[in-house]
Structures are given as structure tokens and as C-alpha cells.
Amino acid sequence: MTEEAKQIRREYQKQWRQQNRDKIRKAEERHWEKKAAQAKKDVGQRDS
């Protein structure tokens, strides 16, 4: 990918993130809930 294309992509993504903060917040929340559930599951399996 050319440097110009990378710059255009960065600008687009920055603008999208500014306009969709609620979507980002919800996605991060789902991500960390999933990670917590997996960690809890892993600890349970290790203790068995």
C-alpha cells in the first residue's frame, strides 16, 4: 500500500472513530467481557 493510501485510510478511520464513539465503546466492552469470561474459564480448568 502506498504511503498516500495509508494516510487517507488513517484520516478516514480517525474521522469514523470520532463519529462513532458509542460503537467503539460497546465493542470494547464486549471485548473485555469476553476476555474476562475466558480468563474465568481458564482458571476453572486449571484448578480441576
PDB file of N, CA and C in Angstrom:
ATOM      1  N   MET A   1       0.854  -1.168   0.000  1.00  0.00           N
ATOM      2  CA  MET A   1       0.000   0.000   0.000  1.00  0.00           C
ATOM      3  C   MET A   1       0.903   1.234   0.000  1.00  0.00           C
ATOM      4  N   THR A   2       0.547   2.186  -0.801  1.00  0.00           N
ATOM      5  CA  THR A   2       1.371   3.381  -0.886  1.00  0.00           C
ATOM      6  C   THR A   2       1.213   4.223   0.373  1.00  0.00           C
ATOM      7  N   GLU A   3       2.164   5.088   0.596  1.00  0.00           N
ATOM      8  CA  GLU A   3       2.119   5.963   1.772  1.00  0.00           C
ATOM      9  C   GLU A   3       0.897   6.885   1.709  1.00  0.00           C
ATOM     10  N   GLU A   4       0.570   7.328   0.509  1.00  0.00           N
ATOM     11  CA  GLU A   4      -0.607   8.192   0.337  1.00  0.00           C
ATOM     12  C   GLU A   4      -1.893   7.438   0.710  1.00  0.00           C
ATOM     13  N   ALA A   5      -1.997   6.196   0.289  1.00  0.00           N
ATOM     14  CA  ALA A   5      -3.173   5.388   0.611  1.00  0.00           C
ATOM     15  C   ALA A   5      -3.265   5.148   2.117  1.00  0.00           C
ATOM     16  N   LYS A   6      -2.133   4.913   2.758  1.00  0.00           N
ATOM     17  CA  LYS A   6      -2.119   4.719   4.207  1.00  0.00           C
ATOM     18  C   LYS A   6      -2.604   5.967   4.933  1.00  0.00           C
ATOM     19  N   GLN A   7      -2.162   7.129   4.464  1.00  0.00           N
ATOM     20  CA  GLN A   7      -2.558   8.393   5.085  1.00  0.00           C
ATOM     21  C   GLN A   7      -4.063   8.623   4.926  1.00  0.00           C
ATOM     22  N   ILE A   8      -4.586   8.348   3.754  1.00  0.00           N
ATOM     23  CA  ILE A   8      -6.019   8.513   3.514  1.00  0.00           C
ATOM     24  C   ILE A   8      -6.818   7.568   4.410  1.00  0.00           C
ATOM     25  N   ARG A   9      -6.340   6.329   4.543  1.00  0.00           N
ATOM     26  CA  ARG A   9      -7.018   5.361   5.415  1.00  0.00           C
ATOM     27  C   ARG A   9      -6.986   5.830   6.864  1.00  0.00           C
ATOM     28  N   ARG A  10      -5.848   6.321   7.327  1.00  0.00           N
ATOM     29  CA  ARG A  10      -5.738   6.834   8.708  1.00  0.00           C
ATOM     30  C   ARG A  10      -6.728   7.965   8.957  1.00  0.00           C
ATOM     31  N   GLU A  11      -6.806   8.892   8.014  1.00  0.00           N
ATOM     32  CA  GLU A  11      -7.721  10.020   8.163  1.00  0.00           C
ATOM     33  C   GLU A  11      -9.167   9.557   8.201  1.00  0.00           C
ATOM     34  N   TYR A  12      -9.519   8.634   7.328  1.00  0.00           N
ATOM     35  CA  TYR A  12     -10.885   8.108   7.309  1.00  0.00           C
ATOM     36  C   TYR A  12     -11.220   7.423   8.633  1.00  0.00           C
ATOM     37  N   GLN A  13     -10.318   6.573   9.102  1.00  0.00           N
ATOM     38  CA  GLN A  13     -10.565   5.850  10.346  1.00  0.00           C
ATOM     39  C   GLN A  13     -10.666   6.797  11.534  1.00  0.00           C
ATOM     40  N   LYS A  14      -9.839   7.819  11.574  1.00  0.00           N
ATOM     41  CA  LYS A  14      -9.893   8.801  12.649  1.00  0.00           C
ATOM     42  C   LYS A  14     -11.248   9.501  12.659  1.00  0.00           C
ATOM     43  N   GLN A  15     -11.685   9.910  11.498  1.00  0.00           N
ATOM     44  CA  GLN A  15     -12.977  10.583  11.382  1.00  0.00           C
ATOM     45  C   GLN A  15     -14.111   9.640  11.777  1.00  0.00           C
ATOM     46  N   TRP A  16     -14.062   8.390  11.325  1.00  0.00           N
ATOM     47  CA  TRP A  16     -15.107   7.420  11.658  1.00  0.00           C
ATOM     48  C   TRP A  16     -15.160   7.195  13.166  1.00  0.00           C
ATOM     49  N   ARG A  17     -13.982   7.043  13.797  1.00  0.00           N
ATOM     50  CA  ARG A  17     -13.948   6.823  15.249  1.00  0.00           C
ATOM     51  C   ARG A  17     -14.528   8.006  16.010  1.00  0.00           C
ATOM     52  N   GLN A  18     -14.278   9.219  15.548  1.00  0.00           N
ATOM     53  CA  GLN A  18     -14.836  10.393  16.206  1.00  0.00           C
ATOM     54  C   GLN A  18     -16.359  10.426  16.090  1.00  0.00           C
ATOM     55  N   GLN A  19     -16.878   9.954  14.977  1.00  0.00           N
ATOM     56  CA  GLN A  19     -18.320   9.987  14.752  1.00  0.00           C
ATOM     57  C   GLN A  19     -19.039   8.789  15.357  1.00  0.00           C
ATOM     58  N   ASN A  20     -18.319   7.752  15.747  1.00  0.00           N
ATOM     59  CA  ASN A  20     -18.937   6.518  16.226  1.00  0.00           C
ATOM     60  C   ASN A  20     -18.380   6.079  17.570  1.00  0.00           C
ATOM     61  N   ARG A  21     -18.203   7.021  18.468  1.00  0.00           N
ATOM     62  CA  ARG A  21     -17.631   6.699  19.776  1.00  0.00           C
ATOM     63  C   ARG A  21     -18.473   5.683  20.529  1.00  0.00           C
ATOM     64  N   ASP A  22     -19.785   5.740  20.377  1.00  0.00           N
ATOM     65  CA  ASP A  22     -20.652   4.787  21.072  1.00  0.00           C
ATOM     66  C   ASP A  22     -20.413   3.361  20.579  1.00  0.00           C
ATOM     67  N   LYS A  23     -20.207   3.184  19.283  1.00  0.00           N
ATOM     68  CA  LYS A  23     -19.932   1.855  18.730  1.00  0.00           C
ATOM     69  C   LYS A  23     -18.598   1.324  19.249  1.00  0.00           C
ATOM     70  N   ILE A  24     -17.608   2.192  19.321  1.00  0.00           N
ATOM     71  CA  ILE A  24     -16.292   1.790  19.818  1.00  0.00           C
ATOM     72  C   ILE A  24     -16.394   1.386  21.279  1.00  0.00           C
ATOM     73  N   ARG A  25     -17.099   2.180  22.069  1.00  0.00           N
ATOM     74  CA  ARG A  25     -17.260   1.898  23.497  1.00  0.00           C
ATOM     75  C   ARG A  25     -17.940   0.545  23.703  1.00  0.00           C
ATOM     76  N   LYS A  26     -18.996   0.268  22.939  1.00  0.00           N
ATOM     77  CA  LYS A  26     -19.713  -1.005  23.066  1.00  0.00           C
ATOM     78  C   LYS A  26     -18.828  -2.177  22.625  1.00  0.00           C
ATOM     79  N   ALA A  27     -18.077  -1.989  21.557  1.00  0.00           N
ATOM     80  CA  ALA A  27     -17.194  -3.047  21.069  1.00  0.00           C
ATOM     81  C   ALA A  27     -16.107  -3.362  22.090  1.00  0.00           C
ATOM     82  N   GLU A  28     -15.546  -2.326  22.704  1.00  0.00           N
ATOM     83  CA  GLU A  28     -14.524  -2.543  23.733  1.00  0.00           C
ATOM     84  C   GLU A  28     -15.115  -3.254  24.944  1.00  0.00           C
ATOM     85  N   GLU A  29     -16.326  -2.876  25.301  1.00  0.00           N
ATOM     86  CA  GLU A  29     -16.989  -3.527  26.438  1.00  0.00           C
ATOM     87  C   GLU A  29     -17.207  -5.017  26.149  1.00  0.00           C
ATOM     88  N   ARG A  30     -17.702  -5.338  24.951  1.00  0.00           N
ATOM     89  CA  ARG A  30     -17.895  -6.748  24.577  1.00  0.00           C
ATOM     90  C   ARG A  30     -16.568  -7.498  24.599  1.00  0.00           C
ATOM     91  N   HIS A  31     -15.525  -6.859  24.077  1.00  0.00           N
ATOM     92  CA  HIS A  31     -14.200  -7.474  24.024  1.00  0.00           C
ATOM     93  C   HIS A  31     -13.719  -7.859  25.426  1.00  0.00           C
ATOM     94  N   TRP A  32     -13.807  -6.905  26.368  1.00  0.00           N
ATOM     95  CA  TRP A  32     -13.284  -7.165  27.708  1.00  0.00           C
ATOM     96  C   TRP A  32     -14.175  -8.109  28.503  1.00  0.00           C
ATOM     97  N   GLU A  33     -15.484  -8.091  28.245  1.00  0.00           N
ATOM     98  CA  GLU A  33     -16.367  -9.071  28.886  1.00  0.00           C
ATOM     99  C   GLU A  33     -15.999 -10.482  28.414  1.00  0.00           C
ATOM    100  N   LYS A  34     -15.714 -10.604  27.138  1.00  0.00           N
ATOM    101  CA  LYS A  34     -15.317 -11.890  26.560  1.00  0.00           C
ATOM    102  C   LYS A  34     -13.985 -12.357  27.153  1.00  0.00           C
ATOM    103  N   LYS A  35     -13.029 -11.433  27.269  1.00  0.00           N
ATOM    104  CA  LYS A  35     -11.727 -11.762  27.848  1.00  0.00           C
ATOM    105  C   LYS A  35     -11.878 -12.205  29.305  1.00  0.00           C
ATOM    106  N   ALA A  36     -12.739 -11.518  30.069  1.00  0.00           N
ATOM    107  CA  ALA A  36     -12.952 -11.860  31.474  1.00  0.00           C
ATOM    108  C   ALA A  36     -13.582 -13.245  31.591  1.00  0.00           C
ATOM    109  N   ALA A  37     -14.555 -13.537  30.742  1.00  0.00           N
ATOM    110  CA  ALA A  37     -15.199 -14.846  30.769  1.00  0.00           C
ATOM    111  C   ALA A  37     -14.197 -15.947  30.425  1.00  0.00           C
ATOM    112  N   GLN A  38     -13.346 -15.681  29.443  1.00  0.00           N
ATOM    113  CA  GLN A  38     -12.336 -16.669  29.054  1.00  0.00           C
ATOM    114  C   GLN A  38     -11.332 -16.887  30.178  1.00  0.00           C
ATOM    115  N   ALA A  39     -10.912 -15.818  30.832  1.00  0.00           N
ATOM    116  CA  ALA A  39      -9.948 -15.929  31.930  1.00  0.00           C
ATOM    117  C   ALA A  39     -10.561 -16.731  33.074  1.00  0.00           C
ATOM    118  N   LYS A  40     -11.818 -16.486  33.357  1.00  0.00           N
ATOM    119  CA  LYS A  40     -12.508 -17.215  34.417  1.00  0.00           C
ATOM    120  C   LYS A  40     -12.592 -18.701  34.075  1.00  0.00           C
ATOM    121  N   LYS A  41     -12.883 -18.990  32.810  1.00  0.00           N
ATOM    122  CA  LYS A  41     -12.958 -20.369  32.343  1.00  0.00           C
ATOM    123  C   LYS A  41     -11.592 -21.053  32.439  1.00  0.00           C
ATOM    124  N   ASP A  42     -10.543 -20.344  32.038  1.00  0.00           N
ATOM    125  CA  ASP A  42      -9.187 -20.890  32.074  1.00  0.00           C
ATOM    126  C   ASP A  42      -8.754 -21.197  33.514  1.00  0.00           C
ATOM    127  N   VAL A  43      -9.089 -20.326  34.450  1.00  0.00           N
ATOM    128  CA  VAL A  43      -8.736 -20.552  35.847  1.00  0.00           C
ATOM    129  C   VAL A  43      -9.474 -21.771  36.368  1.00  0.00           C
ATOM    130  N   GLY A  44     -10.739 -21.911  36.007  1.00  0.00           N
ATOM    131  CA  GLY A  44     -11.524 -23.074  36.420  1.00  0.00           C
ATOM    132  C   GLY A  44     -10.972 -24.374  35.892  1.00  0.00           C
ATOM    133  N   GLN A  45     -10.499 -24.380  34.677  1.00  0.00           N
ATOM    134  CA  GLN A  45      -9.936 -25.595  34.096  1.00  0.00           C
ATOM    135  C   GLN A  45      -8.588 -25.929  34.727  1.00  0.00           C
ATOM    136  N   ARG A  46      -7.829 -24.914  35.066  1.00  0.00           N
ATOM    137  CA  ARG A  46      -6.521 -25.126  35.660  1.00  0.00           C
ATOM    138  C   ARG A  46      -6.659 -25.724  37.066  1.00  0.00           C
ATOM    139  N   ASP A  47      -7.689 -25.307  37.800  1.00  0.00           N
ATOM    140  CA  ASP A  47      -7.889 -25.782  39.148  1.00  0.00           C
ATOM    141  C   ASP A  47      -8.396 -27.210  39.207  1.00  0.00           C
ATOM    142  N   SER A  48      -8.936 -27.722  38.130  1.00  0.00           N
ATOM    143  CA  SER A  48      -9.512 -29.074  38.131  1.00  0.00           C
ATOM    144  C   SER A  48      -8.464 -30.149  38.179  1.00  0.00           C
TER     145      SER A  48
END
